[in-house]
């Protein structure tokens, strides 16, 4: 029988499995955008657009789990750090959606708006992860 003291183990396992993956995809897309600025090889923007799309698809599962954990379930107390983490991720995902539309255009149209959006997404995700790590007490 499951206790009501916290989220289920399966939910936590899914969240911990999928949560870091989108950050890696968005960071790789940002690196590819920078490589495109340096080389003007179209393959870098094509790869970045795929990475952004895959990152957005993978981000769905942990964000839905986090939404339920933070705002729906009253099983555990959510800290301000967890709520801020959720909102920073939400803003980053919205920017990544706009970035996906920018990257769907011609490669030459990606600069500078696509690079700026990629940079903003990566910075928001880094802030979200670092503030959560610094404000969450060790168990």
Protein backbone atom coordinates (compact mmCIF):
# COMPACT_ATOMS: atom_id res chain seq x y z
CA UNK A 1 0.00 0.00 0.00
CA UNK A 2 1.34 3.39 -0.98
CA UNK A 3 1.65 6.12 1.61
CA UNK A 4 0.41 9.64 1.05
CA UNK A 5 3.64 11.24 2.23
CA UNK A 6 5.04 11.94 -1.21
CA UNK A 7 4.88 11.24 -4.92
CA UNK A 8 5.00 7.67 -6.13
CA UNK A 9 8.32 6.04 -6.89
CA UNK A 10 7.36 5.43 -10.52
CA UNK A 11 6.49 9.10 -10.97
CA UNK A 12 9.75 10.20 -9.41
CA UNK A 13 11.68 7.71 -11.53
CA UNK A 14 10.07 9.01 -14.74
CA UNK A 15 10.68 12.60 -13.70
CA UNK A 16 14.32 11.98 -12.81
CA UNK A 17 14.85 10.00 -16.03
CA UNK A 18 13.41 12.57 -18.43
CA UNK A 19 14.07 15.89 -16.66
CA UNK A 20 17.74 16.44 -17.63
CA UNK A 21 17.37 15.33 -21.26
CA UNK A 22 15.71 18.45 -22.72
CA UNK A 23 18.41 20.66 -21.19
CA UNK A 24 21.03 18.67 -23.08
CA UNK A 25 19.12 18.92 -26.35
CA UNK A 26 18.59 22.68 -25.97
CA UNK A 27 22.24 23.23 -25.02
CA UNK A 28 23.38 21.22 -28.05
CA UNK A 29 21.07 23.28 -30.29
CA UNK A 30 22.60 26.45 -28.84
CA UNK A 31 26.10 25.14 -29.60
CA UNK A 32 25.03 24.27 -33.15
CA UNK A 33 23.64 27.78 -33.59
CA UNK A 34 26.99 29.21 -32.54
CA UNK A 35 28.75 26.85 -34.95
CA UNK A 36 26.46 28.08 -37.72
CA UNK A 37 27.46 31.69 -36.99
CA UNK A 38 31.12 30.72 -37.25
CA UNK A 39 30.90 28.50 -40.36
CA UNK A 40 27.61 29.32 -42.16
CA UNK A 41 27.16 25.62 -42.90
CA UNK A 42 23.43 24.97 -43.23
CA UNK A 43 23.69 21.53 -41.60
CA UNK A 44 24.20 23.20 -38.20
CA UNK A 45 20.84 24.96 -38.30
CA UNK A 46 19.16 21.79 -39.59
CA UNK A 47 20.62 19.83 -36.69
CA UNK A 48 19.68 22.59 -34.22
CA UNK A 49 16.07 22.57 -35.41
CA UNK A 50 15.88 18.79 -34.88
CA UNK A 51 17.44 19.08 -31.44
CA UNK A 52 14.95 21.78 -30.43
CA UNK A 53 12.01 19.70 -31.65
CA UNK A 54 13.22 16.56 -29.86
CA UNK A 55 13.94 18.56 -26.70
CA UNK A 56 10.40 19.94 -26.75
CA UNK A 57 8.90 16.47 -27.20
CA UNK A 58 10.93 14.99 -24.36
CA UNK A 59 10.15 17.98 -22.10
CA UNK A 60 6.44 17.12 -22.07
CA UNK A 61 6.63 14.19 -19.62
CA UNK A 62 8.67 15.80 -16.81
CA UNK A 63 6.80 19.10 -17.09
CA UNK A 64 3.41 17.39 -16.70
CA UNK A 65 4.71 15.41 -13.71
CA UNK A 66 6.17 18.56 -12.19
CA UNK A 67 2.91 20.45 -12.80
CA UNK A 68 0.98 17.83 -10.85
CA UNK A 69 3.58 17.68 -8.08
CA UNK A 70 3.74 21.44 -7.60
CA UNK A 71 0.15 22.59 -8.09
CA UNK A 72 -2.27 19.64 -7.94
CA UNK A 73 -0.99 17.13 -5.41
CA UNK A 74 -1.01 18.17 -1.78
CA UNK A 75 1.03 15.15 -0.72
CA UNK A 76 4.15 17.11 -0.01
CA UNK A 77 4.91 20.75 0.58
CA UNK A 78 6.34 22.50 -2.41
CA UNK A 79 8.99 25.07 -1.77
CA UNK A 80 9.38 28.39 -3.50
CA UNK A 81 12.42 26.95 -5.27
CA UNK A 82 10.31 24.20 -6.87
CA UNK A 83 7.68 26.68 -8.00
CA UNK A 84 10.33 29.01 -9.43
CA UNK A 85 11.92 26.01 -11.15
CA UNK A 86 8.55 25.19 -12.73
CA UNK A 87 7.94 28.76 -13.95
CA UNK A 88 11.45 29.18 -15.34
CA UNK A 89 11.04 25.91 -17.24
CA UNK A 90 7.65 27.03 -18.54
CA UNK A 91 9.08 30.31 -19.88
CA UNK A 92 12.01 28.40 -21.40
CA UNK A 93 9.64 25.98 -23.16
CA UNK A 94 7.57 28.85 -24.57
CA UNK A 95 10.76 30.47 -25.88
CA UNK A 96 11.86 27.10 -27.29
CA UNK A 97 8.55 26.81 -29.16
CA UNK A 98 9.15 30.22 -30.73
CA UNK A 99 12.72 29.11 -31.42
CA UNK A 100 11.42 26.03 -33.24
CA UNK A 101 9.38 28.27 -35.50
CA UNK A 102 12.40 30.51 -36.14
CA UNK A 103 14.51 27.46 -36.99
CA UNK A 104 11.86 26.19 -39.42
CA UNK A 105 12.67 29.11 -41.71
CA UNK A 106 15.60 29.44 -44.06
CA UNK A 107 19.02 28.96 -42.44
CA UNK A 108 20.05 32.56 -43.08
CA UNK A 109 16.92 33.78 -41.23
CA UNK A 110 18.00 32.02 -38.03
CA UNK A 111 20.65 34.63 -37.29
CA UNK A 112 20.33 36.52 -34.93
CA UNK A 113 16.85 35.74 -33.54
CA UNK A 114 17.33 31.97 -33.34
CA UNK A 115 20.68 32.34 -31.62
CA UNK A 116 19.24 34.83 -29.13
CA UNK A 117 16.30 32.52 -28.37
CA UNK A 118 18.61 29.51 -27.98
CA UNK A 119 20.80 31.49 -25.61
CA UNK A 120 17.80 32.65 -23.57
CA UNK A 121 16.46 29.09 -23.29
CA UNK A 122 19.78 27.71 -22.09
CA UNK A 123 20.29 30.54 -19.59
CA UNK A 124 16.78 30.10 -18.17
CA UNK A 125 17.28 26.36 -17.77
CA UNK A 126 20.66 26.85 -16.11
CA UNK A 127 19.17 29.37 -13.68
CA UNK A 128 16.28 26.99 -12.96
CA UNK A 129 18.56 24.06 -12.19
CA UNK A 130 21.14 26.03 -10.21
CA UNK A 131 18.63 27.87 -8.03
CA UNK A 132 16.84 24.60 -7.27
CA UNK A 133 20.11 22.91 -6.36
CA UNK A 134 21.22 25.79 -4.14
CA UNK A 135 17.89 26.26 -2.37
CA UNK A 136 16.95 22.62 -1.82
CA UNK A 137 18.27 21.21 1.46
CA UNK A 138 20.28 18.00 1.37
CA UNK A 139 18.48 14.95 2.70
